[in-house]
Amino acid sequence: MSAAAKDPRPCSIADTLAVVGEKHSLLVLREVCLGNGRFDRLVRNIGAPRDILAARLKRLVEAGVLEKVAYQERPKRFEYRPTPAGLELEPVLMTLMAWGDRHLRDGDRPMVLAHDCGHDLRPVVTCAACGEAVRHEDISAHPQTPGWTTAGPEGL
């Protein structure tokens, strides 16, 4: 049996979820991107138990998504800030928020993000090469891992 037959599909989505897919991790990133990087604010705004929140913060720092920065020396206190890699996840948060507004809240938007142009932000995924909005029917997958096709492992 080939390695592909017994192992799950190699996937950057799965790899990313290993970093940010745990309960509360994306909410931590939401709060930090909003400027709420102090532990007590994170606890209040997310509602996670303190021990769980501490574990998520540690994991996100280790993964390079957040950085821990001292803001007070005596007693030593820290806040969390997004790294460049963390900021790259911000459009994912915006897209998830827009999907939730449309499909889970019937258009009721508990938070509105405004763009510098003065309009409410409505995120759209676009192709970096041509600038066109990406639609499902316009994309095709090309597996790069030997032994894998879009349907799964070759020969199975």
N, C-alpha and C. Protein backbone atom coordinates (compact mmCIF):
# COMPACT_ATOMS: atom_id res chain seq x y z
N MET A 1 0.85 -1.18 0.00
CA MET A 1 0.00 0.00 0.00
C MET A 1 0.90 1.24 0.00
N SER A 2 0.58 2.22 -0.84
CA SER A 2 1.39 3.43 -0.92
C SER A 2 1.14 4.32 0.29
N ALA A 3 2.08 5.23 0.52
CA ALA A 3 1.92 6.16 1.65
C ALA A 3 0.65 6.97 1.51
N ALA A 4 0.32 7.34 0.25
CA ALA A 4 -0.88 8.15 0.03
C ALA A 4 -2.15 7.40 0.40
N ALA A 5 -2.12 6.06 0.31
CA ALA A 5 -3.32 5.29 0.59
C ALA A 5 -3.66 5.25 2.08
N LYS A 6 -2.68 5.38 2.96
CA LYS A 6 -2.97 5.29 4.39
C LYS A 6 -2.92 6.64 5.11
N ASP A 7 -2.39 7.65 4.45
CA ASP A 7 -2.26 8.97 5.05
C ASP A 7 -3.32 9.91 4.49
N PRO A 8 -3.75 10.91 5.27
CA PRO A 8 -4.69 11.90 4.72
C PRO A 8 -4.03 12.77 3.66
N ARG A 9 -4.84 13.43 2.88
CA ARG A 9 -4.34 14.30 1.82
C ARG A 9 -3.42 15.37 2.39
N PRO A 10 -2.22 15.54 1.84
CA PRO A 10 -1.40 16.69 2.22
C PRO A 10 -2.15 17.98 1.87
N CYS A 11 -2.24 18.87 2.83
CA CYS A 11 -3.13 20.02 2.61
C CYS A 11 -2.73 21.20 3.47
N SER A 12 -2.55 22.35 2.84
CA SER A 12 -2.21 23.56 3.58
C SER A 12 -3.36 24.04 4.46
N ILE A 13 -4.60 23.71 4.09
CA ILE A 13 -5.74 24.06 4.95
C ILE A 13 -5.63 23.30 6.26
N ALA A 14 -5.35 22.00 6.18
CA ALA A 14 -5.20 21.19 7.39
C ALA A 14 -4.02 21.69 8.23
N ASP A 15 -2.92 22.06 7.57
CA ASP A 15 -1.76 22.58 8.29
C ASP A 15 -2.11 23.88 9.01
N THR A 16 -2.87 24.75 8.35
CA THR A 16 -3.28 26.02 8.95
C THR A 16 -4.22 25.79 10.12
N LEU A 17 -5.15 24.85 9.96
CA LEU A 17 -6.08 24.55 11.05
C LEU A 17 -5.36 23.98 12.27
N ALA A 18 -4.22 23.31 12.05
CA ALA A 18 -3.44 22.82 13.17
C ALA A 18 -2.91 23.98 14.02
N VAL A 19 -2.79 25.15 13.41
CA VAL A 19 -2.31 26.34 14.13
C VAL A 19 -3.47 27.16 14.68
N VAL A 20 -4.48 27.43 13.87
CA VAL A 20 -5.55 28.36 14.26
C VAL A 20 -6.92 27.71 14.39
N GLY A 21 -7.00 26.39 14.26
CA GLY A 21 -8.29 25.71 14.24
C GLY A 21 -8.85 25.31 15.58
N GLU A 22 -8.07 25.47 16.65
CA GLU A 22 -8.58 25.11 17.96
C GLU A 22 -9.63 26.14 18.40
N LYS A 23 -10.57 25.67 19.21
CA LYS A 23 -11.61 26.56 19.70
C LYS A 23 -10.99 27.80 20.34
N HIS A 24 -11.48 28.94 20.00
CA HIS A 24 -11.08 30.26 20.50
C HIS A 24 -9.88 30.88 19.80
N SER A 25 -9.11 30.12 19.00
CA SER A 25 -7.89 30.68 18.40
C SER A 25 -8.20 31.82 17.43
N LEU A 26 -9.18 31.65 16.57
CA LEU A 26 -9.52 32.73 15.64
C LEU A 26 -10.14 33.91 16.37
N LEU A 27 -10.82 33.65 17.47
CA LEU A 27 -11.38 34.75 18.26
C LEU A 27 -10.27 35.53 18.95
N VAL A 28 -9.21 34.86 19.36
CA VAL A 28 -8.04 35.55 19.90
C VAL A 28 -7.48 36.47 18.82
N LEU A 29 -7.32 35.94 17.62
CA LEU A 29 -6.78 36.75 16.53
C LEU A 29 -7.70 37.92 16.21
N ARG A 30 -9.02 37.70 16.24
CA ARG A 30 -9.97 38.79 16.02
C ARG A 30 -9.72 39.92 17.01
N GLU A 31 -9.64 39.58 18.28
CA GLU A 31 -9.46 40.59 19.33
C GLU A 31 -8.12 41.30 19.21
N VAL A 32 -7.07 40.55 18.94
CA VAL A 32 -5.74 41.16 18.82
C VAL A 32 -5.71 42.11 17.62
N CYS A 33 -6.34 41.72 16.52
CA CYS A 33 -6.39 42.60 15.35
C CYS A 33 -7.23 43.85 15.63
N LEU A 34 -8.18 43.75 16.55
CA LEU A 34 -8.97 44.92 16.95
C LEU A 34 -8.23 45.79 17.96
N GLY A 35 -7.05 45.35 18.39
CA GLY A 35 -6.27 46.13 19.34
C GLY A 35 -6.47 45.74 20.79
N ASN A 36 -7.13 44.61 21.02
CA ASN A 36 -7.40 44.15 22.38
C ASN A 36 -6.46 43.00 22.73
N GLY A 37 -5.20 43.29 22.92
CA GLY A 37 -4.21 42.25 23.12
C GLY A 37 -3.84 41.95 24.55
N ARG A 38 -4.47 42.64 25.50
CA ARG A 38 -4.16 42.36 26.91
C ARG A 38 -5.04 41.22 27.41
N PHE A 39 -4.45 40.39 28.27
CA PHE A 39 -5.08 39.15 28.69
C PHE A 39 -6.49 39.36 29.25
N ASP A 40 -6.66 40.32 30.15
CA ASP A 40 -7.98 40.52 30.76
C ASP A 40 -9.02 40.92 29.72
N ARG A 41 -8.64 41.72 28.74
CA ARG A 41 -9.58 42.08 27.68
C ARG A 41 -9.92 40.86 26.82
N LEU A 42 -8.92 40.04 26.56
CA LEU A 42 -9.17 38.83 25.78
C LEU A 42 -10.14 37.91 26.51
N VAL A 43 -9.92 37.73 27.81
CA VAL A 43 -10.83 36.89 28.61
C VAL A 43 -12.25 37.44 28.53
N ARG A 44 -12.39 38.74 28.74
CA ARG A 44 -13.72 39.36 28.74
C ARG A 44 -14.40 39.26 27.38
N ASN A 45 -13.68 39.57 26.32
CA ASN A 45 -14.30 39.67 25.00
C ASN A 45 -14.51 38.33 24.32
N ILE A 46 -13.75 37.31 24.71
CA ILE A 46 -13.88 35.99 24.09
C ILE A 46 -14.74 35.07 24.94
N GLY A 47 -14.63 35.18 26.26
CA GLY A 47 -15.40 34.31 27.14
C GLY A 47 -14.76 32.95 27.34
N ALA A 48 -13.51 32.80 26.97
CA ALA A 48 -12.81 31.53 27.16
C ALA A 48 -12.30 31.42 28.59
N PRO A 49 -12.25 30.20 29.11
CA PRO A 49 -11.61 30.02 30.42
C PRO A 49 -10.15 30.49 30.35
N ARG A 50 -9.66 31.03 31.43
CA ARG A 50 -8.31 31.61 31.46
C ARG A 50 -7.23 30.59 31.07
N ASP A 51 -7.34 29.35 31.54
CA ASP A 51 -6.32 28.36 31.22
C ASP A 51 -6.33 28.00 29.73
N ILE A 52 -7.51 27.92 29.16
CA ILE A 52 -7.63 27.62 27.72
C ILE A 52 -7.07 28.79 26.92
N LEU A 53 -7.42 29.99 27.32
CA LEU A 53 -6.93 31.18 26.62
C LEU A 53 -5.40 31.25 26.69
N ALA A 54 -4.84 30.98 27.84
CA ALA A 54 -3.38 30.99 27.99
C ALA A 54 -2.73 29.97 27.06
N ALA A 55 -3.33 28.80 26.95
CA ALA A 55 -2.79 27.76 26.05
C ALA A 55 -2.87 28.19 24.59
N ARG A 56 -3.99 28.82 24.20
CA ARG A 56 -4.14 29.29 22.82
C ARG A 56 -3.12 30.38 22.51
N LEU A 57 -2.94 31.32 23.44
CA LEU A 57 -1.97 32.39 23.23
C LEU A 57 -0.56 31.82 23.07
N LYS A 58 -0.21 30.88 23.92
CA LYS A 58 1.12 30.26 23.84
C LYS A 58 1.32 29.60 22.48
N ARG A 59 0.31 28.87 22.02
CA ARG A 59 0.40 28.18 20.73
C ARG A 59 0.52 29.18 19.58
N LEU A 60 -0.24 30.25 19.61
CA LEU A 60 -0.20 31.25 18.54
C LEU A 60 1.13 32.00 18.52
N VAL A 61 1.72 32.23 19.69
CA VAL A 61 3.04 32.85 19.75
C VAL A 61 4.09 31.88 19.19
N GLU A 62 4.04 30.62 19.62
CA GLU A 62 5.00 29.62 19.14
C GLU A 62 4.91 29.45 17.62
N ALA A 63 3.71 29.58 17.06
CA ALA A 63 3.51 29.41 15.62
C ALA A 63 3.87 30.65 14.82
N GLY A 64 4.19 31.76 15.52
CA GLY A 64 4.56 32.98 14.81
C GLY A 64 3.39 33.82 14.32
N VAL A 65 2.19 33.57 14.86
CA VAL A 65 1.00 34.32 14.50
C VAL A 65 0.87 35.58 15.35
N LEU A 66 1.27 35.46 16.62
CA LEU A 66 1.25 36.59 17.55
C LEU A 66 2.63 36.77 18.16
N GLU A 67 2.87 37.98 18.65
CA GLU A 67 4.07 38.23 19.44
C GLU A 67 3.63 38.73 20.81
N LYS A 68 4.40 38.38 21.83
CA LYS A 68 4.14 38.78 23.20
C LYS A 68 5.08 39.93 23.52
N VAL A 69 4.51 41.09 23.87
CA VAL A 69 5.29 42.31 24.08
C VAL A 69 5.01 42.85 25.47
N ALA A 70 6.07 43.16 26.21
CA ALA A 70 5.90 43.74 27.54
C ALA A 70 5.39 45.18 27.40
N TYR A 71 4.38 45.52 28.18
CA TYR A 71 3.90 46.91 28.20
C TYR A 71 4.08 47.54 29.58
N GLN A 72 4.50 46.73 30.57
CA GLN A 72 4.73 47.24 31.92
C GLN A 72 5.83 46.39 32.56
N GLU A 73 6.74 47.05 33.28
CA GLU A 73 7.86 46.34 33.89
C GLU A 73 7.59 45.85 35.31
N ARG A 74 6.92 46.68 36.14
CA ARG A 74 6.68 46.31 37.53
C ARG A 74 5.22 46.47 37.88
N PRO A 75 4.49 45.43 38.04
CA PRO A 75 4.85 44.06 37.72
C PRO A 75 4.91 43.88 36.20
N LYS A 76 5.63 42.89 35.78
CA LYS A 76 5.80 42.64 34.35
C LYS A 76 4.45 42.19 33.77
N ARG A 77 3.99 42.92 32.76
CA ARG A 77 2.73 42.59 32.09
C ARG A 77 2.96 42.63 30.60
N PHE A 78 2.18 41.79 29.90
CA PHE A 78 2.37 41.63 28.46
C PHE A 78 1.06 41.85 27.71
N GLU A 79 1.20 42.19 26.46
CA GLU A 79 0.07 42.20 25.54
C GLU A 79 0.50 41.44 24.30
N TYR A 80 -0.48 41.06 23.52
CA TYR A 80 -0.23 40.28 22.31
C TYR A 80 -0.56 41.13 21.10
N ARG A 81 0.29 41.02 20.10
CA ARG A 81 0.11 41.77 18.85
C ARG A 81 0.25 40.81 17.68
N PRO A 82 -0.44 41.09 16.60
CA PRO A 82 -0.28 40.21 15.43
C PRO A 82 1.08 40.43 14.78
N THR A 83 1.68 39.34 14.35
CA THR A 83 2.90 39.41 13.55
C THR A 83 2.48 39.64 12.09
N PRO A 84 3.41 39.86 11.19
CA PRO A 84 3.03 39.93 9.77
C PRO A 84 2.26 38.69 9.32
N ALA A 85 2.66 37.51 9.80
CA ALA A 85 1.93 36.29 9.45
C ALA A 85 0.51 36.33 10.03
N GLY A 86 0.36 36.85 11.24
CA GLY A 86 -0.97 36.98 11.84
C GLY A 86 -1.85 37.94 11.06
N LEU A 87 -1.26 39.06 10.61
CA LEU A 87 -2.03 40.03 9.83
C LEU A 87 -2.47 39.45 8.48
N GLU A 88 -1.72 38.49 7.96
CA GLU A 88 -2.14 37.84 6.71
C GLU A 88 -3.41 37.02 6.91
N LEU A 89 -3.73 36.66 8.14
CA LEU A 89 -4.97 35.92 8.43
C LEU A 89 -6.18 36.85 8.58
N GLU A 90 -5.95 38.14 8.67
CA GLU A 90 -7.06 39.07 8.86
C GLU A 90 -8.11 38.99 7.74
N PRO A 91 -7.73 38.88 6.47
CA PRO A 91 -8.77 38.73 5.43
C PRO A 91 -9.61 37.46 5.61
N VAL A 92 -9.01 36.41 6.18
CA VAL A 92 -9.77 35.19 6.46
C VAL A 92 -10.85 35.50 7.50
N LEU A 93 -10.49 36.25 8.54
CA LEU A 93 -11.47 36.64 9.55
C LEU A 93 -12.58 37.48 8.95
N MET A 94 -12.22 38.41 8.08
CA MET A 94 -13.22 39.27 7.43
C MET A 94 -14.18 38.46 6.58
N THR A 95 -13.64 37.48 5.86
CA THR A 95 -14.47 36.64 5.01
C THR A 95 -15.39 35.76 5.85
N LEU A 96 -14.87 35.20 6.94
CA LEU A 96 -15.70 34.40 7.84
C LEU A 96 -16.81 35.25 8.45
N MET A 97 -16.48 36.47 8.83
CA MET A 97 -17.47 37.38 9.40
C MET A 97 -18.57 37.68 8.39
N ALA A 98 -18.20 37.97 7.16
CA ALA A 98 -19.19 38.28 6.12
C ALA A 98 -20.09 37.08 5.85
N TRP A 99 -19.51 35.89 5.84
CA TRP A 99 -20.30 34.67 5.62
C TRP A 99 -21.30 34.50 6.77
N GLY A 100 -20.84 34.69 8.01
CA GLY A 100 -21.73 34.57 9.17
C GLY A 100 -22.84 35.61 9.14
N ASP A 101 -22.51 36.85 8.74
CA ASP A 101 -23.54 37.89 8.64
C ASP A 101 -24.63 37.47 7.66
N ARG A 102 -24.23 36.91 6.52
CA ARG A 102 -25.19 36.52 5.48
C ARG A 102 -25.99 35.26 5.83
N HIS A 103 -25.30 34.25 6.33
CA HIS A 103 -25.92 32.93 6.45
C HIS A 103 -26.37 32.56 7.86
N LEU A 104 -25.88 33.22 8.87
CA LEU A 104 -26.24 32.85 10.24
C LEU A 104 -27.00 33.95 10.97
N ARG A 105 -26.91 35.18 10.45
CA ARG A 105 -27.53 36.31 11.15
C ARG A 105 -28.53 37.05 10.27
N ASP A 106 -28.85 36.49 9.12
CA ASP A 106 -29.82 37.11 8.20
C ASP A 106 -29.49 38.57 7.91
N GLY A 107 -28.22 38.87 7.76
CA GLY A 107 -27.82 40.24 7.43
C GLY A 107 -27.65 41.14 8.63
N ASP A 108 -28.00 40.66 9.83
CA ASP A 108 -27.79 41.45 11.04
C ASP A 108 -26.29 41.45 11.32
N ARG A 109 -25.67 42.61 11.25
CA ARG A 109 -24.22 42.71 11.37
C ARG A 109 -23.84 43.29 12.73
N PRO A 110 -23.36 42.44 13.66
CA PRO A 110 -23.00 42.94 14.99
C PRO A 110 -21.78 43.84 14.98
N MET A 111 -20.97 43.77 13.93
CA MET A 111 -19.83 44.68 13.78
C MET A 111 -19.69 44.99 12.30
N VAL A 112 -19.42 46.24 12.01
CA VAL A 112 -19.21 46.67 10.64
C VAL A 112 -17.78 47.20 10.54
N LEU A 113 -17.06 46.71 9.55
CA LEU A 113 -15.72 47.21 9.28
C LEU A 113 -15.82 48.22 8.15
N ALA A 114 -15.21 49.37 8.35
CA ALA A 114 -15.22 50.40 7.32
C ALA A 114 -13.86 50.44 6.63
N HIS A 115 -13.87 50.61 5.34
CA HIS A 115 -12.65 50.74 4.56
C HIS A 115 -12.25 52.21 4.52
N ASP A 116 -10.98 52.50 4.23
CA ASP A 116 -10.51 53.89 4.15
C ASP A 116 -11.24 54.70 3.08
N CYS A 117 -11.88 54.02 2.12
CA CYS A 117 -12.62 54.74 1.08
C CYS A 117 -13.92 55.35 1.61
N GLY A 118 -14.28 54.97 2.87
CA GLY A 118 -15.48 55.52 3.47
C GLY A 118 -16.69 54.59 3.42
N HIS A 119 -16.57 53.47 2.74
CA HIS A 119 -17.68 52.52 2.64
C HIS A 119 -17.48 51.34 3.59
N ASP A 120 -18.59 50.68 3.91
CA ASP A 120 -18.51 49.45 4.69
C ASP A 120 -17.75 48.41 3.88
N LEU A 121 -16.88 47.68 4.56
CA LEU A 121 -16.09 46.66 3.89
C LEU A 121 -16.95 45.44 3.59
N ARG A 122 -16.92 45.00 2.37
CA ARG A 122 -17.54 43.74 1.94
C ARG A 122 -16.43 42.95 1.26
N PRO A 123 -15.79 42.01 1.99
CA PRO A 123 -14.63 41.32 1.43
C PRO A 123 -14.99 40.44 0.23
N VAL A 124 -14.07 40.44 -0.74
CA VAL A 124 -14.20 39.62 -1.95
C VAL A 124 -12.82 39.05 -2.24
N VAL A 125 -12.75 37.77 -2.54
CA VAL A 125 -11.48 37.17 -2.93
C VAL A 125 -11.29 37.45 -4.41
N THR A 126 -10.12 38.00 -4.75
CA THR A 126 -9.82 38.30 -6.14
C THR A 126 -8.52 37.61 -6.55
N CYS A 127 -8.38 37.39 -7.84
CA CYS A 127 -7.16 36.82 -8.40
C CYS A 127 -6.09 37.91 -8.45
N ALA A 128 -4.91 37.63 -7.89
CA ALA A 128 -3.83 38.62 -7.87
C ALA A 128 -3.33 38.92 -9.28
N ALA A 129 -3.47 37.98 -10.21
CA ALA A 129 -2.95 38.18 -11.57
C ALA A 129 -3.87 39.06 -12.42
N CYS A 130 -5.18 38.77 -12.38
CA CYS A 130 -6.09 39.51 -13.27
C CYS A 130 -7.02 40.47 -12.55
N GLY A 131 -7.13 40.37 -11.22
CA GLY A 131 -7.98 41.26 -10.45
C GLY A 131 -9.45 40.89 -10.43
N GLU A 132 -9.82 39.82 -11.10
CA GLU A 132 -11.23 39.39 -11.14
C GLU A 132 -11.63 38.70 -9.83
N ALA A 133 -12.90 38.85 -9.46
CA ALA A 133 -13.43 38.13 -8.31
C ALA A 133 -13.36 36.63 -8.59
N VAL A 134 -13.01 35.85 -7.57
CA VAL A 134 -12.90 34.40 -7.72
C VAL A 134 -14.26 33.76 -7.44
N ARG A 135 -14.70 32.93 -8.37
CA ARG A 135 -15.93 32.16 -8.20
C ARG A 135 -15.58 30.68 -8.30
N HIS A 136 -16.36 29.84 -7.66
CA HIS A 136 -16.11 28.41 -7.66
C HIS A 136 -15.94 27.86 -9.07
N GLU A 137 -16.81 28.27 -9.96
CA GLU A 137 -16.78 27.72 -11.33
C GLU A 137 -15.58 28.18 -12.15
N ASP A 138 -14.81 29.12 -11.64
CA ASP A 138 -13.65 29.64 -12.38
C ASP A 138 -12.31 29.05 -11.92
N ILE A 139 -12.34 28.13 -10.96
CA ILE A 139 -11.09 27.59 -10.45
C ILE A 139 -10.98 26.09 -10.76
N SER A 140 -9.75 25.63 -10.85
CA SER A 140 -9.49 24.19 -11.00
C SER A 140 -8.31 23.84 -10.11
N ALA A 141 -8.36 22.63 -9.55
CA ALA A 141 -7.32 22.18 -8.63
C ALA A 141 -6.29 21.35 -9.39
N HIS A 142 -5.03 21.52 -8.99
CA HIS A 142 -3.91 20.78 -9.60
C HIS A 142 -3.03 20.25 -8.49
N PRO A 143 -3.32 19.03 -7.97
CA PRO A 143 -2.53 18.48 -6.88
C PRO A 143 -1.04 18.42 -7.24
N GLN A 144 -0.20 18.82 -6.29
CA GLN A 144 1.24 18.86 -6.50
C GLN A 144 1.97 17.75 -5.75
N THR A 145 1.27 17.02 -4.90
CA THR A 145 1.89 15.95 -4.13
C THR A 145 1.86 14.66 -4.95
N PRO A 146 3.02 14.06 -5.17
CA PRO A 146 3.06 12.80 -5.94
C PRO A 146 2.13 11.75 -5.33
N GLY A 147 1.40 11.07 -6.17
CA GLY A 147 0.50 10.01 -5.72
C GLY A 147 -0.90 10.48 -5.40
N TRP A 148 -1.18 11.76 -5.56
CA TRP A 148 -2.49 12.30 -5.23
C TRP A 148 -3.15 12.94 -6.43
N THR A 149 -4.47 12.74 -6.54
CA THR A 149 -5.29 13.42 -7.54
C THR A 149 -6.34 14.21 -6.78
N THR A 150 -7.18 14.96 -7.48
CA THR A 150 -8.23 15.70 -6.79
C THR A 150 -9.21 14.75 -6.11
N ALA A 151 -9.36 13.51 -6.64
CA ALA A 151 -10.28 12.53 -6.05
C ALA A 151 -9.67 11.81 -4.86
N GLY A 152 -8.35 11.89 -4.69
CA GLY A 152 -7.70 11.20 -3.58
C GLY A 152 -6.44 10.51 -4.07
N PRO A 153 -5.99 9.48 -3.33
CA PRO A 153 -4.76 8.77 -3.71
C PRO A 153 -4.93 8.05 -5.04
N GLU A 154 -3.88 8.06 -5.85
CA GLU A 154 -3.91 7.34 -7.12
C GLU A 154 -4.02 5.85 -6.84
N GLY A 155 -4.76 5.15 -7.69
CA GLY A 155 -4.84 3.71 -7.59
C GLY A 155 -5.82 3.19 -6.56
N LEU A 156 -6.58 4.06 -5.95
CA LEU A 156 -7.59 3.60 -4.96
C LEU A 156 -8.97 3.94 -5.43
